[in-house]
Amino acid sequence: MINHVWGLFTHPEREWQQIRTEDESIRHIYLTHTLLLAVIPPLCAYIGTTQVGWTIGERAPVMLTQASALGMAMMSYLTLLAGVAIMGGFIHWMARTYDADPSLARCIAFATYTATPLFIGGVAALYPHLWLGLIVGTAAISYTVYLLYSGLPTFMDVSAEEGFMFSSSILSVGLVVLVAIMAFTVVLWGLGAGPQYTT
């Protein structure tokens, strides 16, 4: 896994070609890649919100209780795992439109590797500061979009034109999934599952 993660940042084109030759099962992908990468943002957020906190003006740092942060971290982790599976499912479903026939496992692998910058960018949550989160988040999203558009034609073995349309479709679905997750979070918070702060 580490080799692929490093390769996606240092030589993405060559790495996509190497990943394309691998034939992994969904179980293997989750056990060796997705479960490990997806734990980074929730774990860092848990540490950042319970040990560091965030400062508003000149006030003392605001922190979450450990129980509240743990519950939110677990929900975030499960959401990330489900999000990868949902995106992999959509990629698999949409592939037929572009004359590609990848397995579901390959589509989930593609979703995992494409989201790698977002997972790694979760390290910024160790120090929950608005500007740091904004800068790292923007960089992570930008590189994720780059991996999507540059890697899909190679990984799915489609033309550059089809790859652009396919990538744009995936990006649109990803935005819809993100909005749905945010709406679901708001509903949960409204039902009393929101954060609890230390006093």
N, C-alpha and C. Protein backbone atom coordinates (compact mmCIF):
# COMPACT_ATOMS: atom_id res chain seq x y z
N MET A 1 0.82 -1.20 0.00
CA MET A 1 0.00 0.00 0.00
C MET A 1 0.86 1.26 0.00
N ILE A 2 1.89 1.30 0.85
CA ILE A 2 2.71 2.50 0.97
C ILE A 2 3.36 2.84 -0.37
N ASN A 3 3.79 1.82 -1.11
CA ASN A 3 4.40 2.07 -2.42
C ASN A 3 3.44 2.77 -3.36
N HIS A 4 2.17 2.31 -3.38
CA HIS A 4 1.19 2.94 -4.25
C HIS A 4 0.89 4.37 -3.80
N VAL A 5 0.76 4.57 -2.50
CA VAL A 5 0.47 5.91 -1.99
C VAL A 5 1.60 6.86 -2.37
N TRP A 6 2.83 6.43 -2.14
CA TRP A 6 3.98 7.25 -2.50
C TRP A 6 4.03 7.49 -4.00
N GLY A 7 3.79 6.43 -4.76
CA GLY A 7 3.85 6.53 -6.21
C GLY A 7 2.81 7.48 -6.79
N LEU A 8 1.62 7.52 -6.19
CA LEU A 8 0.58 8.42 -6.68
C LEU A 8 0.96 9.89 -6.51
N PHE A 9 1.87 10.16 -5.57
CA PHE A 9 2.33 11.53 -5.37
C PHE A 9 3.60 11.85 -6.17
N THR A 10 4.41 10.84 -6.44
CA THR A 10 5.68 11.09 -7.12
C THR A 10 5.64 10.83 -8.62
N HIS A 11 4.98 9.77 -9.05
CA HIS A 11 4.87 9.45 -10.48
C HIS A 11 3.51 8.80 -10.75
N PRO A 12 2.43 9.60 -10.72
CA PRO A 12 1.07 9.05 -10.82
C PRO A 12 0.78 8.25 -12.09
N GLU A 13 1.29 8.71 -13.24
CA GLU A 13 1.00 7.99 -14.49
C GLU A 13 1.50 6.56 -14.43
N ARG A 14 2.75 6.40 -14.04
CA ARG A 14 3.34 5.07 -13.96
C ARG A 14 2.65 4.23 -12.89
N GLU A 15 2.26 4.90 -11.78
CA GLU A 15 1.62 4.16 -10.69
C GLU A 15 0.24 3.66 -11.11
N TRP A 16 -0.52 4.46 -11.86
CA TRP A 16 -1.83 4.02 -12.33
C TRP A 16 -1.69 2.79 -13.23
N GLN A 17 -0.66 2.77 -14.05
CA GLN A 17 -0.45 1.62 -14.92
C GLN A 17 -0.14 0.36 -14.10
N GLN A 18 0.64 0.55 -13.03
CA GLN A 18 0.97 -0.60 -12.18
C GLN A 18 -0.26 -1.08 -11.43
N ILE A 19 -1.04 -0.16 -10.88
CA ILE A 19 -2.26 -0.52 -10.14
C ILE A 19 -3.23 -1.24 -11.07
N ARG A 20 -3.26 -0.81 -12.33
CA ARG A 20 -4.19 -1.41 -13.30
C ARG A 20 -3.91 -2.89 -13.53
N THR A 21 -2.66 -3.30 -13.40
CA THR A 21 -2.30 -4.70 -13.65
C THR A 21 -2.65 -5.62 -12.49
N GLU A 22 -2.94 -5.04 -11.33
CA GLU A 22 -3.24 -5.85 -10.15
C GLU A 22 -4.70 -6.28 -10.16
N ASP A 23 -4.95 -7.46 -9.68
CA ASP A 23 -6.32 -8.00 -9.63
C ASP A 23 -6.62 -8.38 -8.19
N GLU A 24 -7.17 -7.42 -7.44
CA GLU A 24 -7.43 -7.63 -6.02
C GLU A 24 -8.92 -7.83 -5.78
N SER A 25 -9.23 -8.55 -4.71
CA SER A 25 -10.62 -8.71 -4.30
C SER A 25 -11.04 -7.49 -3.48
N ILE A 26 -12.34 -7.32 -3.34
CA ILE A 26 -12.84 -6.20 -2.52
C ILE A 26 -12.34 -6.34 -1.09
N ARG A 27 -12.34 -7.56 -0.58
CA ARG A 27 -11.86 -7.79 0.79
C ARG A 27 -10.40 -7.38 0.93
N HIS A 28 -9.58 -7.77 -0.03
CA HIS A 28 -8.15 -7.44 0.04
C HIS A 28 -7.93 -5.93 -0.05
N ILE A 29 -8.68 -5.26 -0.92
CA ILE A 29 -8.54 -3.81 -1.06
C ILE A 29 -8.88 -3.12 0.25
N TYR A 30 -9.99 -3.53 0.87
CA TYR A 30 -10.38 -2.90 2.13
C TYR A 30 -9.40 -3.20 3.24
N LEU A 31 -8.94 -4.44 3.33
CA LEU A 31 -8.04 -4.81 4.42
C LEU A 31 -6.67 -4.18 4.29
N THR A 32 -6.17 -4.03 3.08
CA THR A 32 -4.81 -3.53 2.91
C THR A 32 -4.73 -2.04 2.54
N HIS A 33 -5.83 -1.45 2.13
CA HIS A 33 -5.77 -0.06 1.69
C HIS A 33 -6.84 0.82 2.36
N THR A 34 -8.09 0.54 2.04
CA THR A 34 -9.18 1.44 2.43
C THR A 34 -9.29 1.59 3.94
N LEU A 35 -9.28 0.49 4.67
CA LEU A 35 -9.42 0.56 6.13
C LEU A 35 -8.30 1.37 6.77
N LEU A 36 -7.10 1.26 6.21
CA LEU A 36 -5.95 1.97 6.78
C LEU A 36 -5.94 3.44 6.41
N LEU A 37 -6.22 3.75 5.15
CA LEU A 37 -6.20 5.15 4.72
C LEU A 37 -7.36 5.94 5.33
N ALA A 38 -8.54 5.32 5.40
CA ALA A 38 -9.72 6.03 5.89
C ALA A 38 -9.67 6.33 7.38
N VAL A 39 -8.79 5.67 8.11
CA VAL A 39 -8.71 5.91 9.56
C VAL A 39 -7.95 7.21 9.87
N ILE A 40 -7.18 7.71 8.90
CA ILE A 40 -6.34 8.89 9.16
C ILE A 40 -7.16 10.13 9.54
N PRO A 41 -8.16 10.57 8.74
CA PRO A 41 -8.90 11.78 9.12
C PRO A 41 -9.65 11.67 10.46
N PRO A 42 -10.42 10.58 10.71
CA PRO A 42 -11.12 10.52 11.99
C PRO A 42 -10.19 10.46 13.20
N LEU A 43 -9.09 9.70 13.08
CA LEU A 43 -8.15 9.59 14.19
C LEU A 43 -7.49 10.93 14.48
N CYS A 44 -7.06 11.62 13.45
CA CYS A 44 -6.44 12.93 13.63
C CYS A 44 -7.44 13.95 14.18
N ALA A 45 -8.68 13.88 13.70
CA ALA A 45 -9.71 14.80 14.20
C ALA A 45 -10.02 14.52 15.67
N TYR A 46 -10.03 13.25 16.04
CA TYR A 46 -10.26 12.90 17.44
C TYR A 46 -9.17 13.51 18.32
N ILE A 47 -7.92 13.33 17.92
CA ILE A 47 -6.81 13.87 18.71
C ILE A 47 -6.86 15.39 18.73
N GLY A 48 -7.08 16.00 17.58
CA GLY A 48 -7.10 17.45 17.49
C GLY A 48 -8.22 18.09 18.29
N THR A 49 -9.40 17.50 18.27
CA THR A 49 -10.55 18.11 18.97
C THR A 49 -10.57 17.82 20.47
N THR A 50 -9.84 16.80 20.91
CA THR A 50 -9.83 16.49 22.34
C THR A 50 -8.56 16.95 23.05
N GLN A 51 -7.45 17.08 22.31
CA GLN A 51 -6.18 17.43 22.95
C GLN A 51 -5.71 18.84 22.63
N VAL A 52 -6.07 19.35 21.45
CA VAL A 52 -5.60 20.68 21.04
C VAL A 52 -6.74 21.69 21.08
N GLY A 53 -7.84 21.36 20.43
CA GLY A 53 -8.98 22.27 20.35
C GLY A 53 -8.74 23.38 19.35
N TRP A 54 -9.73 24.21 19.14
CA TRP A 54 -9.59 25.33 18.23
C TRP A 54 -9.93 26.60 18.98
N THR A 55 -9.27 27.67 18.57
CA THR A 55 -9.38 28.95 19.27
C THR A 55 -10.21 29.92 18.45
N ILE A 56 -11.12 30.60 19.12
CA ILE A 56 -11.93 31.63 18.49
C ILE A 56 -11.58 32.95 19.18
N GLY A 57 -10.87 33.80 18.46
CA GLY A 57 -10.45 35.07 19.05
C GLY A 57 -9.43 34.86 20.16
N GLU A 58 -9.64 35.54 21.28
CA GLU A 58 -8.72 35.46 22.42
C GLU A 58 -9.21 34.48 23.48
N ARG A 59 -10.25 33.75 23.18
CA ARG A 59 -10.82 32.83 24.17
C ARG A 59 -9.96 31.59 24.33
N ALA A 60 -10.25 30.84 25.38
CA ALA A 60 -9.56 29.57 25.62
C ALA A 60 -9.95 28.58 24.52
N PRO A 61 -9.09 27.61 24.23
CA PRO A 61 -9.41 26.63 23.18
C PRO A 61 -10.70 25.88 23.48
N VAL A 62 -11.48 25.65 22.44
CA VAL A 62 -12.73 24.88 22.54
C VAL A 62 -12.41 23.44 22.18
N MET A 63 -12.80 22.51 23.06
CA MET A 63 -12.51 21.10 22.82
C MET A 63 -13.77 20.27 23.02
N LEU A 64 -13.78 19.11 22.39
CA LEU A 64 -14.89 18.18 22.55
C LEU A 64 -14.59 17.21 23.69
N THR A 65 -15.65 16.69 24.28
CA THR A 65 -15.44 15.62 25.25
C THR A 65 -14.93 14.38 24.51
N GLN A 66 -14.22 13.53 25.22
CA GLN A 66 -13.66 12.35 24.57
C GLN A 66 -14.75 11.43 24.05
N ALA A 67 -15.84 11.30 24.81
CA ALA A 67 -16.93 10.43 24.37
C ALA A 67 -17.58 10.97 23.10
N SER A 68 -17.81 12.27 23.07
CA SER A 68 -18.42 12.88 21.89
C SER A 68 -17.51 12.77 20.68
N ALA A 69 -16.23 13.07 20.88
CA ALA A 69 -15.27 13.00 19.77
C ALA A 69 -15.11 11.57 19.27
N LEU A 70 -15.13 10.61 20.17
CA LEU A 70 -14.99 9.21 19.77
C LEU A 70 -16.18 8.77 18.93
N GLY A 71 -17.38 9.13 19.38
CA GLY A 71 -18.58 8.79 18.62
C GLY A 71 -18.58 9.41 17.23
N MET A 72 -18.18 10.67 17.16
CA MET A 72 -18.15 11.35 15.86
C MET A 72 -17.05 10.77 14.97
N ALA A 73 -15.92 10.40 15.57
CA ALA A 73 -14.83 9.81 14.78
C ALA A 73 -15.25 8.46 14.21
N MET A 74 -15.94 7.67 15.01
CA MET A 74 -16.39 6.35 14.53
C MET A 74 -17.41 6.52 13.40
N MET A 75 -18.34 7.46 13.56
CA MET A 75 -19.33 7.71 12.51
C MET A 75 -18.64 8.21 11.24
N SER A 76 -17.64 9.07 11.39
CA SER A 76 -16.90 9.57 10.23
C SER A 76 -16.17 8.45 9.51
N TYR A 77 -15.58 7.55 10.29
CA TYR A 77 -14.83 6.44 9.71
C TYR A 77 -15.76 5.53 8.90
N LEU A 78 -16.90 5.19 9.48
CA LEU A 78 -17.86 4.35 8.76
C LEU A 78 -18.40 5.05 7.52
N THR A 79 -18.58 6.36 7.62
CA THR A 79 -19.06 7.13 6.48
C THR A 79 -18.04 7.13 5.35
N LEU A 80 -16.77 7.27 5.70
CA LEU A 80 -15.72 7.25 4.68
C LEU A 80 -15.66 5.89 3.99
N LEU A 81 -15.75 4.82 4.77
CA LEU A 81 -15.73 3.47 4.18
C LEU A 81 -16.93 3.26 3.27
N ALA A 82 -18.09 3.71 3.73
CA ALA A 82 -19.29 3.58 2.90
C ALA A 82 -19.19 4.45 1.66
N GLY A 83 -18.62 5.65 1.81
CA GLY A 83 -18.48 6.56 0.67
C GLY A 83 -17.61 5.96 -0.43
N VAL A 84 -16.53 5.29 -0.05
CA VAL A 84 -15.66 4.64 -1.04
C VAL A 84 -16.43 3.54 -1.75
N ALA A 85 -17.19 2.75 -1.00
CA ALA A 85 -17.97 1.66 -1.61
C ALA A 85 -19.04 2.21 -2.55
N ILE A 86 -19.71 3.28 -2.14
CA ILE A 86 -20.75 3.88 -2.97
C ILE A 86 -20.15 4.45 -4.26
N MET A 87 -19.02 5.14 -4.13
CA MET A 87 -18.38 5.70 -5.32
C MET A 87 -17.89 4.58 -6.24
N GLY A 88 -17.33 3.52 -5.65
CA GLY A 88 -16.91 2.38 -6.45
C GLY A 88 -18.08 1.76 -7.20
N GLY A 89 -19.23 1.67 -6.53
CA GLY A 89 -20.42 1.13 -7.17
C GLY A 89 -20.90 2.00 -8.32
N PHE A 90 -20.88 3.31 -8.12
CA PHE A 90 -21.28 4.22 -9.20
C PHE A 90 -20.31 4.15 -10.38
N ILE A 91 -19.01 4.08 -10.08
CA ILE A 91 -18.02 3.98 -11.16
C ILE A 91 -18.26 2.70 -11.96
N HIS A 92 -18.52 1.61 -11.26
CA HIS A 92 -18.79 0.32 -11.92
C HIS A 92 -20.03 0.42 -12.79
N TRP A 93 -21.07 1.06 -12.28
CA TRP A 93 -22.32 1.20 -13.02
C TRP A 93 -22.14 2.09 -14.25
N MET A 94 -21.40 3.20 -14.08
CA MET A 94 -21.23 4.15 -15.19
C MET A 94 -20.25 3.65 -16.25
N ALA A 95 -19.40 2.71 -15.90
CA ALA A 95 -18.36 2.25 -16.83
C ALA A 95 -18.95 1.69 -18.12
N ARG A 96 -20.12 1.08 -18.03
CA ARG A 96 -20.74 0.49 -19.22
C ARG A 96 -21.03 1.55 -20.28
N THR A 97 -21.32 2.75 -19.84
CA THR A 97 -21.62 3.84 -20.77
C THR A 97 -20.40 4.19 -21.62
N TYR A 98 -19.22 3.95 -21.07
CA TYR A 98 -17.98 4.35 -21.75
C TYR A 98 -17.21 3.14 -22.29
N ASP A 99 -17.93 2.06 -22.55
CA ASP A 99 -17.34 0.85 -23.13
C ASP A 99 -16.19 0.29 -22.31
N ALA A 100 -16.27 0.45 -21.01
CA ALA A 100 -15.29 -0.14 -20.11
C ALA A 100 -16.00 -1.24 -19.31
N ASP A 101 -15.26 -2.25 -18.94
CA ASP A 101 -15.88 -3.37 -18.22
C ASP A 101 -15.01 -3.80 -17.03
N PRO A 102 -14.76 -2.87 -16.10
CA PRO A 102 -13.95 -3.24 -14.94
C PRO A 102 -14.80 -3.99 -13.91
N SER A 103 -14.16 -4.77 -13.08
CA SER A 103 -14.88 -5.45 -11.99
C SER A 103 -15.21 -4.43 -10.91
N LEU A 104 -16.15 -4.78 -10.05
CA LEU A 104 -16.50 -3.90 -8.93
C LEU A 104 -15.29 -3.67 -8.04
N ALA A 105 -14.49 -4.72 -7.83
CA ALA A 105 -13.30 -4.59 -6.99
C ALA A 105 -12.33 -3.56 -7.57
N ARG A 106 -12.15 -3.57 -8.89
CA ARG A 106 -11.25 -2.60 -9.52
C ARG A 106 -11.79 -1.18 -9.37
N CYS A 107 -13.11 -1.04 -9.45
CA CYS A 107 -13.72 0.29 -9.29
C CYS A 107 -13.57 0.81 -7.86
N ILE A 108 -13.70 -0.07 -6.89
CA ILE A 108 -13.50 0.33 -5.50
C ILE A 108 -12.03 0.69 -5.28
N ALA A 109 -11.12 -0.07 -5.90
CA ALA A 109 -9.70 0.25 -5.80
C ALA A 109 -9.43 1.63 -6.39
N PHE A 110 -10.04 1.91 -7.54
CA PHE A 110 -9.85 3.22 -8.16
C PHE A 110 -10.38 4.33 -7.26
N ALA A 111 -11.55 4.12 -6.66
CA ALA A 111 -12.12 5.12 -5.75
C ALA A 111 -11.20 5.34 -4.55
N THR A 112 -10.65 4.27 -4.01
CA THR A 112 -9.75 4.39 -2.85
C THR A 112 -8.50 5.17 -3.21
N TYR A 113 -7.85 4.78 -4.30
CA TYR A 113 -6.60 5.45 -4.67
C TYR A 113 -6.82 6.89 -5.08
N THR A 114 -7.94 7.18 -5.73
CA THR A 114 -8.23 8.55 -6.11
C THR A 114 -8.43 9.43 -4.89
N ALA A 115 -9.04 8.87 -3.85
CA ALA A 115 -9.30 9.63 -2.62
C ALA A 115 -8.10 9.70 -1.69
N THR A 116 -6.98 9.10 -2.06
CA THR A 116 -5.80 9.07 -1.20
C THR A 116 -5.37 10.45 -0.71
N PRO A 117 -5.31 11.49 -1.56
CA PRO A 117 -4.92 12.82 -1.04
C PRO A 117 -5.89 13.34 0.03
N LEU A 118 -7.17 13.03 -0.11
CA LEU A 118 -8.13 13.47 0.90
C LEU A 118 -7.87 12.77 2.22
N PHE A 119 -7.58 11.46 2.16
CA PHE A 119 -7.27 10.73 3.38
C PHE A 119 -6.01 11.26 4.04
N ILE A 120 -4.95 11.44 3.25
CA ILE A 120 -3.68 11.93 3.79
C ILE A 120 -3.84 13.36 4.33
N GLY A 121 -4.64 14.17 3.63
CA GLY A 121 -4.88 15.54 4.07
C GLY A 121 -5.56 15.63 5.42
N GLY A 122 -6.18 14.52 5.84
CA GLY A 122 -6.82 14.49 7.16
C GLY A 122 -5.86 14.70 8.30
N VAL A 123 -4.56 14.58 8.04
CA VAL A 123 -3.54 14.83 9.08
C VAL A 123 -3.65 16.25 9.61
N ALA A 124 -4.13 17.17 8.77
CA ALA A 124 -4.28 18.57 9.20
C ALA A 124 -5.24 18.71 10.37
N ALA A 125 -6.12 17.73 10.57
CA ALA A 125 -7.08 17.80 11.68
C ALA A 125 -6.40 17.66 13.04
N LEU A 126 -5.12 17.28 13.06
CA LEU A 126 -4.39 17.23 14.34
C LEU A 126 -4.31 18.60 14.98
N TYR A 127 -4.28 19.62 14.14
CA TYR A 127 -4.26 21.00 14.63
C TYR A 127 -5.43 21.74 13.99
N PRO A 128 -6.60 21.69 14.63
CA PRO A 128 -7.82 22.24 14.02
C PRO A 128 -7.82 23.76 13.94
N HIS A 129 -7.23 24.27 12.89
CA HIS A 129 -7.18 25.70 12.65
C HIS A 129 -7.83 25.97 11.29
N LEU A 130 -8.65 27.02 11.22
CA LEU A 130 -9.42 27.31 10.02
C LEU A 130 -8.54 27.42 8.78
N TRP A 131 -7.49 28.24 8.85
CA TRP A 131 -6.67 28.48 7.66
C TRP A 131 -5.86 27.26 7.26
N LEU A 132 -5.36 26.52 8.24
CA LEU A 132 -4.63 25.30 7.93
C LEU A 132 -5.54 24.30 7.23
N GLY A 133 -6.75 24.12 7.78
CA GLY A 133 -7.71 23.20 7.18
C GLY A 133 -8.10 23.62 5.77
N LEU A 134 -8.26 24.92 5.57
CA LEU A 134 -8.64 25.44 4.25
C LEU A 134 -7.53 25.21 3.23
N ILE A 135 -6.29 25.50 3.62
CA ILE A 135 -5.16 25.34 2.69
C ILE A 135 -4.93 23.87 2.36
N VAL A 136 -4.86 23.03 3.40
CA VAL A 136 -4.61 21.60 3.17
C VAL A 136 -5.78 20.97 2.44
N GLY A 137 -7.01 21.34 2.81
CA GLY A 137 -8.20 20.80 2.17
C GLY A 137 -8.26 21.15 0.69
N THR A 138 -7.93 22.40 0.36
CA THR A 138 -7.93 22.82 -1.04
C THR A 138 -6.88 22.06 -1.84
N ALA A 139 -5.70 21.90 -1.26
CA ALA A 139 -4.63 21.16 -1.94
C ALA A 139 -5.03 19.70 -2.14
N ALA A 140 -5.63 19.09 -1.11
CA ALA A 140 -6.03 17.68 -1.19
C ALA A 140 -7.12 17.48 -2.24
N ILE A 141 -8.10 18.37 -2.27
CA ILE A 141 -9.17 18.26 -3.26
C ILE A 141 -8.62 18.45 -4.67
N SER A 142 -7.73 19.43 -4.83
CA SER A 142 -7.15 19.69 -6.15
C SER A 142 -6.38 18.48 -6.66
N TYR A 143 -5.59 17.86 -5.79
CA TYR A 143 -4.80 16.72 -6.24
C TYR A 143 -5.68 15.49 -6.47
N THR A 144 -6.74 15.37 -5.71
CA THR A 144 -7.69 14.27 -5.93
C THR A 144 -8.34 14.41 -7.31
N VAL A 145 -8.74 15.62 -7.66
CA VAL A 145 -9.34 15.85 -8.97
C VAL A 145 -8.31 15.57 -10.08
N TYR A 146 -7.06 15.97 -9.83
CA TYR A 146 -6.00 15.68 -10.81
C TYR A 146 -5.83 14.18 -11.00
N LEU A 147 -5.78 13.42 -9.89
CA LEU A 147 -5.65 11.97 -9.99
C LEU A 147 -6.84 11.35 -10.74
N LEU A 148 -8.02 11.88 -10.49
CA LEU A 148 -9.21 11.37 -11.15
C LEU A 148 -9.11 11.55 -12.66
N TYR A 149 -8.83 12.77 -13.08
CA TYR A 149 -8.82 13.07 -14.52
C TYR A 149 -7.62 12.47 -15.24
N SER A 150 -6.47 12.42 -14.56
CA SER A 150 -5.28 11.89 -15.22
C SER A 150 -5.24 10.37 -15.18
N GLY A 151 -5.80 9.77 -14.13
CA GLY A 151 -5.69 8.34 -13.96
C GLY A 151 -6.78 7.51 -14.59
N LEU A 152 -7.96 8.08 -14.75
CA LEU A 152 -9.08 7.27 -15.24
C LEU A 152 -8.86 6.72 -16.65
N PRO A 153 -8.39 7.51 -17.61
CA PRO A 153 -8.17 6.91 -18.95
C PRO A 153 -7.21 5.73 -18.91
N THR A 154 -6.14 5.85 -18.13
CA THR A 154 -5.17 4.76 -18.02
C THR A 154 -5.77 3.56 -17.31
N PHE A 155 -6.41 3.82 -16.17
CA PHE A 155 -6.92 2.73 -15.34
C PHE A 155 -8.06 1.98 -16.02
N MET A 156 -8.95 2.71 -16.70
CA MET A 156 -10.11 2.10 -17.34
C MET A 156 -9.88 1.74 -18.80
N ASP A 157 -8.71 2.14 -19.33
CA ASP A 157 -8.35 1.86 -20.72
C ASP A 157 -9.39 2.43 -21.69
N VAL A 158 -9.65 3.72 -21.53
CA VAL A 158 -10.57 4.43 -22.43
C VAL A 158 -9.80 5.59 -23.04
N SER A 159 -10.38 6.19 -24.09
CA SER A 159 -9.72 7.32 -24.75
C SER A 159 -9.72 8.54 -23.83
N ALA A 160 -8.88 9.51 -24.15
CA ALA A 160 -8.79 10.73 -23.34
C ALA A 160 -10.12 11.47 -23.31
N GLU A 161 -10.84 11.50 -24.45
CA GLU A 161 -12.13 12.20 -24.51
C GLU A 161 -13.16 11.50 -23.62
N GLU A 162 -13.23 10.17 -23.74
CA GLU A 162 -14.15 9.42 -22.89
C GLU A 162 -13.75 9.52 -21.43
N GLY A 163 -12.44 9.52 -21.19
CA GLY A 163 -11.95 9.65 -19.82
C GLY A 163 -12.36 10.97 -19.18
N PHE A 164 -12.33 12.04 -19.98
CA PHE A 164 -12.74 13.35 -19.46
C PHE A 164 -14.22 13.34 -19.08
N MET A 165 -15.06 12.79 -19.96
CA MET A 165 -16.50 12.74 -19.67
C MET A 165 -16.79 11.82 -18.48
N PHE A 166 -16.12 10.67 -18.44
CA PHE A 166 -16.30 9.71 -17.36
C PHE A 166 -15.88 10.35 -16.04
N SER A 167 -14.73 11.02 -16.02
CA SER A 167 -14.23 11.67 -14.80
C SER A 167 -15.18 12.76 -14.34
N SER A 168 -15.71 13.53 -15.29
CA SER A 168 -16.66 14.59 -14.93
C SER A 168 -17.92 14.01 -14.31
N SER A 169 -18.37 12.86 -14.83
CA SER A 169 -19.54 12.19 -14.26
C SER A 169 -19.26 11.72 -12.84
N ILE A 170 -18.07 11.15 -12.64
CA ILE A 170 -17.69 10.68 -11.30
C ILE A 170 -17.61 11.85 -10.32
N LEU A 171 -17.03 12.95 -10.78
CA LEU A 171 -16.91 14.13 -9.92
C LEU A 171 -18.29 14.66 -9.54
N SER A 172 -19.22 14.66 -10.48
CA SER A 172 -20.59 15.11 -10.19
C SER A 172 -21.26 14.22 -9.16
N VAL A 173 -21.11 12.91 -9.33
CA VAL A 173 -21.70 11.97 -8.36
C VAL A 173 -21.05 12.16 -6.99
N GLY A 174 -19.73 12.37 -6.98
CA GLY A 174 -19.03 12.59 -5.71
C GLY A 174 -19.56 13.80 -4.97
N LEU A 175 -19.84 14.87 -5.70
CA LEU A 175 -20.39 16.07 -5.06
C LEU A 175 -21.78 15.81 -4.50
N VAL A 176 -22.59 15.04 -5.23
CA VAL A 176 -23.93 14.70 -4.74
C VAL A 176 -23.83 13.85 -3.48
N VAL A 177 -22.92 12.88 -3.47
CA VAL A 177 -22.74 12.03 -2.28
C VAL A 177 -22.28 12.89 -1.10
N LEU A 178 -21.37 13.84 -1.35
CA LEU A 178 -20.89 14.72 -0.28
C LEU A 178 -22.04 15.55 0.31
N VAL A 179 -22.87 16.11 -0.55
CA VAL A 179 -24.01 16.91 -0.07
C VAL A 179 -24.98 16.02 0.72
N ALA A 180 -25.20 14.79 0.26
CA ALA A 180 -26.09 13.87 0.97
C ALA A 180 -25.54 13.54 2.35
N ILE A 181 -24.23 13.34 2.45
CA ILE A 181 -23.60 13.06 3.75
C ILE A 181 -23.74 14.25 4.68
N MET A 182 -23.54 15.45 4.14
CA MET A 182 -23.68 16.66 4.97
C MET A 182 -25.11 16.82 5.47
N ALA A 183 -26.07 16.56 4.61
CA ALA A 183 -27.48 16.66 5.00
C ALA A 183 -27.81 15.63 6.07
N PHE A 184 -27.30 14.42 5.92
CA PHE A 184 -27.52 13.36 6.90
C PHE A 184 -26.90 13.75 8.24
N THR A 185 -25.73 14.39 8.20
CA THR A 185 -25.07 14.84 9.43
C THR A 185 -25.91 15.88 10.15
N VAL A 186 -26.46 16.82 9.38
CA VAL A 186 -27.31 17.86 9.98
C VAL A 186 -28.52 17.23 10.66
N VAL A 187 -29.12 16.24 10.01
CA VAL A 187 -30.28 15.55 10.59
C VAL A 187 -29.88 14.86 11.89
N LEU A 188 -28.74 14.18 11.89
CA LEU A 188 -28.27 13.49 13.11
C LEU A 188 -28.02 14.49 14.23
N TRP A 189 -27.41 15.61 13.89
CA TRP A 189 -27.16 16.62 14.92
C TRP A 189 -28.46 17.17 15.47
N GLY A 190 -29.46 17.31 14.59
CA GLY A 190 -30.77 17.78 15.04
C GLY A 190 -31.46 16.79 15.96
N LEU A 191 -31.12 15.52 15.83
CA LEU A 191 -31.70 14.48 16.69
C LEU A 191 -30.92 14.30 17.99
N GLY A 192 -29.91 15.12 18.20
CA GLY A 192 -29.17 15.07 19.47
C GLY A 192 -27.84 14.36 19.41
N ALA A 193 -27.37 14.02 18.21
CA ALA A 193 -26.09 13.31 18.09
C ALA A 193 -24.94 14.27 17.78
N GLY A 194 -25.14 15.54 18.06
CA GLY A 194 -24.12 16.54 17.76
C GLY A 194 -22.99 16.53 18.76
N PRO A 195 -22.02 17.41 18.56
CA PRO A 195 -20.84 17.45 19.43
C PRO A 195 -21.18 17.96 20.83
N GLN A 196 -20.43 17.48 21.79
CA GLN A 196 -20.55 17.96 23.17
C GLN A 196 -19.21 18.51 23.58
N TYR A 197 -19.21 19.73 24.11
CA TYR A 197 -17.98 20.44 24.40
C TYR A 197 -17.60 20.31 25.87
N THR A 198 -16.29 20.41 26.11
CA THR A 198 -15.84 20.42 27.50
C THR A 198 -16.16 21.78 28.10
N THR A 199 -16.28 21.82 29.40
CA THR A 199 -16.63 23.10 30.04
C THR A 199 -15.41 23.72 30.69
